[in-house]
């Protein structure tokens, strides 16, 4: 009777250890799946952010280019008008 209980207890212990191993493997598998899902979501979020930023960066670059072009044009007009006024004033002098 005692021997049978020991054998039953040993089998139960083996079964419990087997179930624990299966549980640990399941946890590792779920952790791996969860990490992969997180990586995938992060990549998707990063891609969406860069798509949104791309338009903003392009519009800001275009605005900076226009501003530079306008500044250059106004400098040229300013210097041209100074030269024109100086030429007119010097041409009128006796």
PDB file of N, CA and C in Angstrom:
ATOM      1  N   UNK A   1       0.816  -1.196   0.000  1.00  0.00           N
ATOM      2  CA  UNK A   1       0.000   0.000   0.000  1.00  0.00           C
ATOM      3  C   UNK A   1       0.860   1.261   0.000  1.00  0.00           C
ATOM      4  N   UNK A   2       1.870   1.303   0.856  1.00  0.00           N
ATOM      5  CA  UNK A   2       2.759   2.462   0.933  1.00  0.00           C
ATOM      6  C   UNK A   2       3.555   2.586  -0.355  1.00  0.00           C
ATOM      7  N   UNK A   3       3.975   1.449  -0.876  1.00  0.00           N
ATOM      8  CA  UNK A   3       4.744   1.459  -2.122  1.00  0.00           C
ATOM      9  C   UNK A   3       3.897   2.004  -3.271  1.00  0.00           C
ATOM     10  N   UNK A   4       2.639   1.643  -3.287  1.00  0.00           N
ATOM     11  CA  UNK A   4       1.732   2.120  -4.335  1.00  0.00           C
ATOM     12  C   UNK A   4       1.520   3.626  -4.197  1.00  0.00           C
ATOM     13  N   UNK A   5       1.410   4.141  -2.985  1.00  0.00           N
ATOM     14  CA  UNK A   5       1.243   5.575  -2.775  1.00  0.00           C
ATOM     15  C   UNK A   5       2.494   6.344  -3.206  1.00  0.00           C
ATOM     16  N   UNK A   6       3.671   5.762  -2.925  1.00  0.00           N
ATOM     17  CA  UNK A   6       4.915   6.402  -3.348  1.00  0.00           C
ATOM     18  C   UNK A   6       4.995   6.454  -4.882  1.00  0.00           C
ATOM     19  N   UNK A   7       4.594   5.363  -5.508  1.00  0.00           N
ATOM     20  CA  UNK A   7       4.625   5.320  -6.962  1.00  0.00           C
ATOM     21  C   UNK A   7       3.641   6.327  -7.553  1.00  0.00           C
ATOM     22  N   UNK A   8       2.457   6.421  -6.972  1.00  0.00           N
ATOM     23  CA  UNK A   8       1.453   7.387  -7.421  1.00  0.00           C
ATOM     24  C   UNK A   8       1.965   8.810  -7.212  1.00  0.00           C
ATOM     25  N   UNK A   9       2.595   9.046  -6.059  1.00  0.00           N
ATOM     26  CA  UNK A   9       3.151  10.357  -5.762  1.00  0.00           C
ATOM     27  C   UNK A   9       4.277  10.706  -6.734  1.00  0.00           C
ATOM     28  N   UNK A  10       5.112   9.727  -7.067  1.00  0.00           N
ATOM     29  CA  UNK A  10       6.199   9.950  -8.025  1.00  0.00           C
ATOM     30  C   UNK A  10       5.632  10.273  -9.403  1.00  0.00           C
ATOM     31  N   UNK A  11       4.585   9.564  -9.812  1.00  0.00           N
ATOM     32  CA  UNK A  11       3.964   9.836 -11.113  1.00  0.00           C
ATOM     33  C   UNK A  11       3.313  11.221 -11.126  1.00  0.00           C
ATOM     34  N   UNK A  12       2.669  11.554 -10.011  1.00  0.00           N
ATOM     35  CA  UNK A  12       2.065  12.891  -9.919  1.00  0.00           C
ATOM     36  C   UNK A  12       3.137  13.976  -9.979  1.00  0.00           C
ATOM     37  N   UNK A  13       4.252  13.736  -9.322  1.00  0.00           N
ATOM     38  CA  UNK A  13       5.354  14.704  -9.337  1.00  0.00           C
ATOM     39  C   UNK A  13       5.897  14.875 -10.751  1.00  0.00           C
ATOM     40  N   UNK A  14       6.054  13.755 -11.459  1.00  0.00           N
ATOM     41  CA  UNK A  14       6.526  13.806 -12.849  1.00  0.00           C
ATOM     42  C   UNK A  14       5.534  14.563 -13.722  1.00  0.00           C
ATOM     43  N   UNK A  15       4.243  14.322 -13.524  1.00  0.00           N
ATOM     44  CA  UNK A  15       3.207  15.004 -14.297  1.00  0.00           C
ATOM     45  C   UNK A  15       3.211  16.504 -13.998  1.00  0.00           C
ATOM     46  N   UNK A  16       3.358  16.858 -12.720  1.00  0.00           N
ATOM     47  CA  UNK A  16       3.387  18.273 -12.336  1.00  0.00           C
ATOM     48  C   UNK A  16       4.594  18.965 -12.960  1.00  0.00           C
ATOM     49  N   UNK A  17       5.758  18.301 -12.904  1.00  0.00           N
ATOM     50  CA  UNK A  17       6.960  18.887 -13.507  1.00  0.00           C
ATOM     51  C   UNK A  17       6.796  19.046 -15.018  1.00  0.00           C
ATOM     52  N   UNK A  18       6.177  18.076 -15.642  1.00  0.00           N
ATOM     53  CA  UNK A  18       5.932  18.158 -17.081  1.00  0.00           C
ATOM     54  C   UNK A  18       5.017  19.337 -17.399  1.00  0.00           C
ATOM     55  N   UNK A  19       3.957  19.494 -16.606  1.00  0.00           N
ATOM     56  CA  UNK A  19       3.034  20.619 -16.816  1.00  0.00           C
ATOM     57  C   UNK A  19       3.738  21.952 -16.565  1.00  0.00           C
ATOM     58  N   UNK A  20       4.599  22.002 -15.554  1.00  0.00           N
ATOM     59  CA  UNK A  20       5.346  23.237 -15.289  1.00  0.00           C
ATOM     60  C   UNK A  20       6.278  23.573 -16.451  1.00  0.00           C
ATOM     61  N   UNK A  21       6.965  22.553 -17.003  1.00  0.00           N
ATOM     62  CA  UNK A  21       7.826  22.784 -18.160  1.00  0.00           C
ATOM     63  C   UNK A  21       7.015  23.317 -19.341  1.00  0.00           C
ATOM     64  N   UNK A  22       5.851  22.698 -19.565  1.00  0.00           N
ATOM     65  CA  UNK A  22       4.985  23.169 -20.650  1.00  0.00           C
ATOM     66  C   UNK A  22       4.552  24.615 -20.410  1.00  0.00           C
ATOM     67  N   UNK A  23       4.231  24.929 -19.157  1.00  0.00           N
ATOM     68  CA  UNK A  23       3.831  26.298 -18.825  1.00  0.00           C
ATOM     69  C   UNK A  23       4.963  27.287 -19.046  1.00  0.00           C
ATOM     70  N   UNK A  24       6.169  26.896 -18.657  1.00  0.00           N
ATOM     71  CA  UNK A  24       7.329  27.774 -18.847  1.00  0.00           C
ATOM     72  C   UNK A  24       7.599  27.985 -20.332  1.00  0.00           C
ATOM     73  N   UNK A  25       7.508  26.917 -21.112  1.00  0.00           N
ATOM     74  CA  UNK A  25       7.686  27.046 -22.561  1.00  0.00           C
ATOM     75  C   UNK A  25       6.612  27.950 -23.165  1.00  0.00           C
ATOM     76  N   UNK A  26       5.390  27.818 -22.682  1.00  0.00           N
ATOM     77  CA  UNK A  26       4.300  28.666 -23.184  1.00  0.00           C
ATOM     78  C   UNK A  26       4.570  30.132 -22.849  1.00  0.00           C
ATOM     79  N   UNK A  27       5.075  30.381 -21.643  1.00  0.00           N
ATOM     80  CA  UNK A  27       5.399  31.760 -21.259  1.00  0.00           C
ATOM     81  C   UNK A  27       6.493  32.324 -22.156  1.00  0.00           C
ATOM     82  N   UNK A  28       7.538  31.541 -22.408  1.00  0.00           N
ATOM     83  CA  UNK A  28       8.610  32.001 -23.301  1.00  0.00           C
ATOM     84  C   UNK A  28       8.079  32.270 -24.704  1.00  0.00           C
ATOM     85  N   UNK A  29       7.221  31.391 -25.187  1.00  0.00           N
ATOM     86  CA  UNK A  29       6.641  31.571 -26.517  1.00  0.00           C
ATOM     87  C   UNK A  29       5.791  32.835 -26.569  1.00  0.00           C
ATOM     88  N   UNK A  30       4.960  33.037 -25.563  1.00  0.00           N
ATOM     89  CA  UNK A  30       4.115  34.236 -25.528  1.00  0.00           C
ATOM     90  C   UNK A  30       4.958  35.498 -25.424  1.00  0.00           C
ATOM     91  N   UNK A  31       6.034  35.446 -24.658  1.00  0.00           N
ATOM     92  CA  UNK A  31       6.917  36.610 -24.527  1.00  0.00           C
ATOM     93  C   UNK A  31       7.549  36.939 -25.880  1.00  0.00           C
ATOM     94  N   UNK A  32       7.981  35.901 -26.602  1.00  0.00           N
ATOM     95  CA  UNK A  32       8.576  36.115 -27.916  1.00  0.00           C
ATOM     96  C   UNK A  32       7.558  36.713 -28.879  1.00  0.00           C
ATOM     97  N   UNK A  33       6.354  36.161 -28.864  1.00  0.00           N
ATOM     98  CA  UNK A  33       5.289  36.675 -29.737  1.00  0.00           C
ATOM     99  C   UNK A  33       4.981  38.123 -29.371  1.00  0.00           C
ATOM    100  N   UNK A  34       4.899  38.416 -28.077  1.00  0.00           N
ATOM    101  CA  UNK A  34       4.599  39.770 -27.618  1.00  0.00           C
ATOM    102  C   UNK A  34       5.702  40.738 -28.051  1.00  0.00           C
ATOM    103  N   UNK A  35       6.965  40.332 -27.924  1.00  0.00           N
ATOM    104  CA  UNK A  35       8.071  41.198 -28.343  1.00  0.00           C
ATOM    105  C   UNK A  35       8.012  41.467 -29.841  1.00  0.00           C
ATOM    106  N   UNK A  36       7.688  40.435 -30.613  1.00  0.00           N
ATOM    107  CA  UNK A  36       7.601  40.621 -32.063  1.00  0.00           C
ATOM    108  C   UNK A  36       6.454  41.560 -32.423  1.00  0.00           C
ATOM    109  N   UNK A  37       5.316  41.420 -31.722  1.00  0.00           N
ATOM    110  CA  UNK A  37       4.189  42.320 -31.978  1.00  0.00           C
ATOM    111  C   UNK A  37       4.546  43.751 -31.616  1.00  0.00           C
ATOM    112  N   UNK A  38       5.231  43.939 -30.501  1.00  0.00           N
ATOM    113  CA  UNK A  38       5.639  45.282 -30.086  1.00  0.00           C
ATOM    114  C   UNK A  38       6.595  45.878 -31.107  1.00  0.00           C
ATOM    115  N   UNK A  39       7.569  45.082 -31.568  1.00  0.00           N
ATOM    116  CA  UNK A  39       8.504  45.572 -32.583  1.00  0.00           C
ATOM    117  C   UNK A  39       7.761  45.965 -33.858  1.00  0.00           C
ATOM    118  N   UNK A  40       6.804  45.127 -34.260  1.00  0.00           N
ATOM    119  CA  UNK A  40       6.042  45.413 -35.474  1.00  0.00           C
ATOM    120  C   UNK A  40       5.238  46.700 -35.320  1.00  0.00           C
ATOM    121  N   UNK A  41       4.603  46.868 -34.161  1.00  0.00           N
ATOM    122  CA  UNK A  41       3.812  48.083 -33.930  1.00  0.00           C
ATOM    123  C   UNK A  41       4.711  49.316 -33.883  1.00  0.00           C
ATOM    124  N   UNK A  42       5.879  49.187 -33.242  1.00  0.00           N
ATOM    125  CA  UNK A  42       6.809  50.316 -33.196  1.00  0.00           C
ATOM    126  C   UNK A  42       7.284  50.708 -34.583  1.00  0.00           C
ATOM    127  N   UNK A  43       7.567  49.714 -35.410  1.00  0.00           N
ATOM    128  CA  UNK A  43       7.969  50.012 -36.790  1.00  0.00           C
ATOM    129  C   UNK A  43       6.847  50.720 -37.548  1.00  0.00           C
ATOM    130  N   UNK A  44       5.622  50.266 -37.340  1.00  0.00           N
ATOM    131  CA  UNK A  44       4.482  50.898 -38.015  1.00  0.00           C
ATOM    132  C   UNK A  44       4.303  52.338 -37.538  1.00  0.00           C
ATOM    133  N   UNK A  45       4.418  52.554 -36.235  1.00  0.00           N
ATOM    134  CA  UNK A  45       4.271  53.907 -35.685  1.00  0.00           C
ATOM    135  C   UNK A  45       5.384  54.808 -36.206  1.00  0.00           C
ATOM    136  N   UNK A  46       6.609  54.290 -36.225  1.00  0.00           N
ATOM    137  CA  UNK A  46       7.740  55.077 -36.725  1.00  0.00           C
ATOM    138  C   UNK A  46       7.548  55.423 -38.199  1.00  0.00           C
ATOM    139  N   UNK A  47       7.072  54.476 -38.976  1.00  0.00           N
ATOM    140  CA  UNK A  47       6.829  54.728 -40.400  1.00  0.00           C
ATOM    141  C   UNK A  47       5.756  55.798 -40.578  1.00  0.00           C
ATOM    142  N   UNK A  48       4.688  55.733 -39.783  1.00  0.00           N
ATOM    143  CA  UNK A  48       3.630  56.744 -39.870  1.00  0.00           C
ATOM    144  C   UNK A  48       4.153  58.125 -39.487  1.00  0.00           C
ATOM    145  N   UNK A  49       4.986  58.170 -38.443  1.00  0.00           N
ATOM    146  CA  UNK A  49       5.537  59.453 -38.004  1.00  0.00           C
ATOM    147  C   UNK A  49       6.434  60.055 -39.073  1.00  0.00           C
ATOM    148  N   UNK A  50       7.267  59.228 -39.693  1.00  0.00           N
ATOM    149  CA  UNK A  50       8.164  59.762 -40.719  1.00  0.00           C
ATOM    150  C   UNK A  50       7.388  60.204 -41.956  1.00  0.00           C
ATOM    151  N   UNK A  51       6.286  59.509 -42.262  1.00  0.00           N
ATOM    152  CA  UNK A  51       5.460  59.953 -43.387  1.00  0.00           C
ATOM    153  C   UNK A  51       4.875  61.322 -43.099  1.00  0.00           C
ATOM    154  N   UNK A  52       4.388  61.513 -41.880  1.00  0.00           N
ATOM    155  CA  UNK A  52       3.828  62.806 -41.495  1.00  0.00           C
ATOM    156  C   UNK A  52       4.885  63.891 -41.458  1.00  0.00           C
ATOM    157  N   UNK A  53       6.050  63.557 -40.980  1.00  0.00           N
ATOM    158  CA  UNK A  53       7.135  64.540 -40.900  1.00  0.00           C
ATOM    159  C   UNK A  53       7.681  64.897 -42.270  1.00  0.00           C
ATOM    160  N   UNK A  54       7.613  63.967 -43.186  1.00  0.00           N
ATOM    161  CA  UNK A  54       8.163  64.212 -44.519  1.00  0.00           C
ATOM    162  C   UNK A  54       7.482  65.405 -45.173  1.00  0.00           C
ATOM    163  N   UNK A  55       6.164  65.439 -45.115  1.00  0.00           N
ATOM    164  CA  UNK A  55       5.423  66.563 -45.698  1.00  0.00           C
ATOM    165  C   UNK A  55       5.751  67.873 -44.999  1.00  0.00           C
ATOM    166  N   UNK A  56       5.850  67.825 -43.666  1.00  0.00           N
ATOM    167  CA  UNK A  56       6.169  69.034 -42.916  1.00  0.00           C
ATOM    168  C   UNK A  56       7.572  69.528 -43.241  1.00  0.00           C
ATOM    169  N   UNK A  57       8.508  68.617 -43.354  1.00  0.00           N
ATOM    170  CA  UNK A  57       9.891  68.993 -43.673  1.00  0.00           C
ATOM    171  C   UNK A  57       9.974  69.570 -45.080  1.00  0.00           C
ATOM    172  N   UNK A  58       9.261  68.951 -46.013  1.00  0.00           N
ATOM    173  CA  UNK A  58       9.273  69.452 -47.391  1.00  0.00           C
ATOM    174  C   UNK A  58       8.678  70.855 -47.471  1.00  0.00           C
ATOM    175  N   UNK A  59       7.551  71.074 -46.780  1.00  0.00           N
ATOM    176  CA  UNK A  59       6.929  72.399 -46.828  1.00  0.00           C
ATOM    177  C   UNK A  59       7.811  73.444 -46.150  1.00  0.00           C
ATOM    178  N   UNK A  60       8.482  73.059 -45.060  1.00  0.00           N
ATOM    179  CA  UNK A  60       9.371  74.004 -44.396  1.00  0.00           C
ATOM    180  C   UNK A  60      10.584  74.315 -45.275  1.00  0.00           C
ATOM    181  N   UNK A  61      11.120  73.312 -45.949  1.00  0.00           N
ATOM    182  CA  UNK A  61      12.253  73.540 -46.853  1.00  0.00           C
ATOM    183  C   UNK A  61      11.844  74.440 -48.010  1.00  0.00           C
ATOM    184  N   UNK A  62      10.638  74.237 -48.537  1.00  0.00           N
ATOM    185  CA  UNK A  62      10.142  75.073 -49.621  1.00  0.00           C
ATOM    186  C   UNK A  62       9.980  76.515 -49.144  1.00  0.00           C
ATOM    187  N   UNK A  63       9.439  76.684 -47.943  1.00  0.00           N
ATOM    188  CA  UNK A  63       9.264  78.029 -47.391  1.00  0.00           C
ATOM    189  C   UNK A  63      10.613  78.710 -47.172  1.00  0.00           C
ATOM    190  N   UNK A  64      11.598  77.971 -46.690  1.00  0.00           N
ATOM    191  CA  UNK A  64      12.929  78.546 -46.477  1.00  0.00           C
ATOM    192  C   UNK A  64      13.564  78.951 -47.804  1.00  0.00           C
ATOM    193  N   UNK A  65      13.367  78.130 -48.828  1.00  0.00           N
ATOM    194  CA  UNK A  65      13.909  78.455 -50.148  1.00  0.00           C
ATOM    195  C   UNK A  65      13.265  79.715 -50.704  1.00  0.00           C
ATOM    196  N   UNK A  66      11.945  79.807 -50.575  1.00  0.00           N
ATOM    197  CA  UNK A  66      11.241  81.009 -51.049  1.00  0.00           C
ATOM    198  C   UNK A  66      11.719  82.252 -50.294  1.00  0.00           C
ATOM    199  N   UNK A  67      11.873  82.113 -48.995  1.00  0.00           N
ATOM    200  CA  UNK A  67      12.328  83.244 -48.181  1.00  0.00           C
ATOM    201  C   UNK A  67      13.717  83.684 -48.627  1.00  0.00           C
ATOM    202  N   UNK A  68      14.621  82.725 -48.836  1.00  0.00           N
ATOM    203  CA  UNK A  68      15.973  83.056 -49.286  1.00  0.00           C
ATOM    204  C   UNK A  68      15.929  83.749 -50.644  1.00  0.00           C
ATOM    205  N   UNK A  69      15.097  83.227 -51.546  1.00  0.00           N
ATOM    206  CA  UNK A  69      14.976  83.840 -52.873  1.00  0.00           C
ATOM    207  C   UNK A  69      14.439  85.261 -52.780  1.00  0.00           C
ATOM    208  N   UNK A  70      13.453  85.494 -51.921  1.00  0.00           N
ATOM    209  CA  UNK A  70      12.912  86.843 -51.744  1.00  0.00           C
ATOM    210  C   UNK A  70      13.947  87.778 -51.138  1.00  0.00           C
ATOM    211  N   UNK A  71      14.697  87.289 -50.146  1.00  0.00           N
ATOM    212  CA  UNK A  71      15.739  88.120 -49.554  1.00  0.00           C
ATOM    213  C   UNK A  71      16.778  88.504 -50.601  1.00  0.00           C
ATOM    214  N   UNK A  72      17.157  87.559 -51.416  1.00  0.00           N
ATOM    215  CA  UNK A  72      18.142  87.839 -52.464  1.00  0.00           C
ATOM    216  C   UNK A  72      17.587  88.862 -53.452  1.00  0.00           C
ATOM    217  N   UNK A  73      16.340  88.689 -53.851  1.00  0.00           N
ATOM    218  CA  UNK A  73      15.723  89.620 -54.800  1.00  0.00           C
ATOM    219  C   UNK A  73      15.638  91.019 -54.205  1.00  0.00           C
ATOM    220  N   UNK A  74      15.249  91.145 -52.932  1.00  0.00           N
ATOM    221  CA  UNK A  74      15.152  92.462 -52.305  1.00  0.00           C
ATOM    222  C   UNK A  74      16.530  93.100 -52.126  1.00  0.00           C
ATOM    223  N   UNK A  75      17.541  92.315 -51.855  1.00  0.00           N
ATOM    224  CA  UNK A  75      18.898  92.871 -51.780  1.00  0.00           C
ATOM    225  C   UNK A  75      19.327  93.432 -53.132  1.00  0.00           C
ATOM    226  N   UNK A  76      19.075  92.648 -54.168  1.00  0.00           N
ATOM    227  CA  UNK A  76      19.442  93.110 -55.519  1.00  0.00           C
ATOM    228  C   UNK A  76      18.687  94.389 -55.868  1.00  0.00           C
ATOM    229  N   UNK A  77      17.380  94.409 -55.569  1.00  0.00           N
ATOM    230  CA  UNK A  77      16.587  95.615 -55.844  1.00  0.00           C
ATOM    231  C   UNK A  77      17.075  96.788 -55.005  1.00  0.00           C
ATOM    232  N   UNK A  78      17.412  96.535 -53.751  1.00  0.00           N
ATOM    233  CA  UNK A  78      17.897  97.607 -52.880  1.00  0.00           C
ATOM    234  C   UNK A  78      19.204  98.194 -53.378  1.00  0.00           C
ATOM    235  N   UNK A  79      20.158  97.326 -53.690  1.00  0.00           N
ATOM    236  CA  UNK A  79      21.446  97.821 -54.195  1.00  0.00           C
ATOM    237  C   UNK A  79      21.286  98.498 -55.553  1.00  0.00           C
ATOM    238  N   UNK A  80      20.399  97.965 -56.382  1.00  0.00           N
ATOM    239  CA  UNK A  80      20.152  98.575 -57.697  1.00  0.00           C
ATOM    240  C   UNK A  80      19.576  99.974 -57.536  1.00  0.00           C
ATOM    241  N   UNK A  81      18.635 100.114 -56.614  1.00  0.00           N
ATOM    242  CA  UNK A  81      18.027 101.435 -56.419  1.00  0.00           C
ATOM    243  C   UNK A  81      19.037 102.417 -55.847  1.00  0.00           C
ATOM    244  N   UNK A  82      19.929 101.940 -54.956  1.00  0.00           N
ATOM    245  CA  UNK A  82      20.966 102.834 -54.420  1.00  0.00           C
ATOM    246  C   UNK A  82      21.895 103.296 -55.546  1.00  0.00           C
ATOM    247  N   UNK A  83      22.304 102.362 -56.389  1.00  0.00           N
ATOM    248  CA  UNK A  83      23.173 102.719 -57.516  1.00  0.00           C
ATOM    249  C   UNK A  83      22.457 103.668 -58.469  1.00  0.00           C
ATOM    250  N   UNK A  84      21.178 103.427 -58.737  1.00  0.00           N
ATOM    251  CA  UNK A  84      20.402 104.278 -59.630  1.00  0.00           C
ATOM    252  C   UNK A  84      20.264 105.682 -59.059  1.00  0.00           C
ATOM    253  N   UNK A  85      19.942 105.764 -57.778  1.00  0.00           N
ATOM    254  CA  UNK A  85      19.802 107.078 -57.130  1.00  0.00           C
ATOM    255  C   UNK A  85      21.149 107.797 -57.113  1.00  0.00           C
ATOM    256  N   UNK A  86      22.219 107.062 -56.809  1.00  0.00           N
ATOM    257  CA  UNK A  86      23.547 107.693 -56.788  1.00  0.00           C
ATOM    258  C   UNK A  86      23.920 108.156 -58.190  1.00  0.00           C
ATOM    259  N   UNK A  87      23.644 107.361 -59.177  1.00  0.00           N
ATOM    260  CA  UNK A  87      23.933 107.768 -60.566  1.00  0.00           C
ATOM    261  C   UNK A  87      23.119 108.964 -60.984  1.00  0.00           C
ATOM    262  N   UNK A  88      21.855 108.991 -60.612  1.00  0.00           N
ATOM    263  CA  UNK A  88      20.992 110.124 -60.919  1.00  0.00           C
ATOM    264  C   UNK A  88      21.486 111.381 -60.218  1.00  0.00           C
ATOM    265  N   UNK A  89      21.864 111.232 -58.937  1.00  0.00           N
ATOM    266  CA  UNK A  89      22.338 112.406 -58.183  1.00  0.00           C
ATOM    267  C   UNK A  89      23.667 112.898 -58.743  1.00  0.00           C
ATOM    268  N   UNK A  90      24.567 111.988 -59.073  1.00  0.00           N
ATOM    269  CA  UNK A  90      25.853 112.411 -59.620  1.00  0.00           C
ATOM    270  C   UNK A  90      25.708 112.966 -61.025  1.00  0.00           C
ATOM    271  N   UNK A  91      24.763 112.485 -61.772  1.00  0.00           N
ATOM    272  CA  UNK A  91      24.525 112.990 -63.139  1.00  0.00           C
ATOM    273  C   UNK A  91      23.915 114.378 -63.116  1.00  0.00           C
ATOM    274  N   UNK A  92      23.201 114.750 -62.077  1.00  0.00           N
ATOM    275  CA  UNK A  92      22.552 116.045 -61.964  1.00  0.00           C
ATOM    276  C   UNK A  92      23.484 117.123 -61.424  1.00  0.00           C
ATOM    277  N   UNK A  93      24.613 116.677 -60.849  1.00  0.00           N
ATOM    278  CA  UNK A  93      25.544 117.639 -60.249  1.00  0.00           C
ATOM    279  C   UNK A  93      26.243 118.427 -61.357  1.00  0.00           C
ATOM    280  N   UNK A  94      26.465 119.740 -61.131  1.00  0.00           N
ATOM    281  CA  UNK A  94      27.127 120.540 -62.169  1.00  0.00           C
ATOM    282  C   UNK A  94      28.621 120.303 -62.214  1.00  0.00           C
TER     283      UNK A  94
END
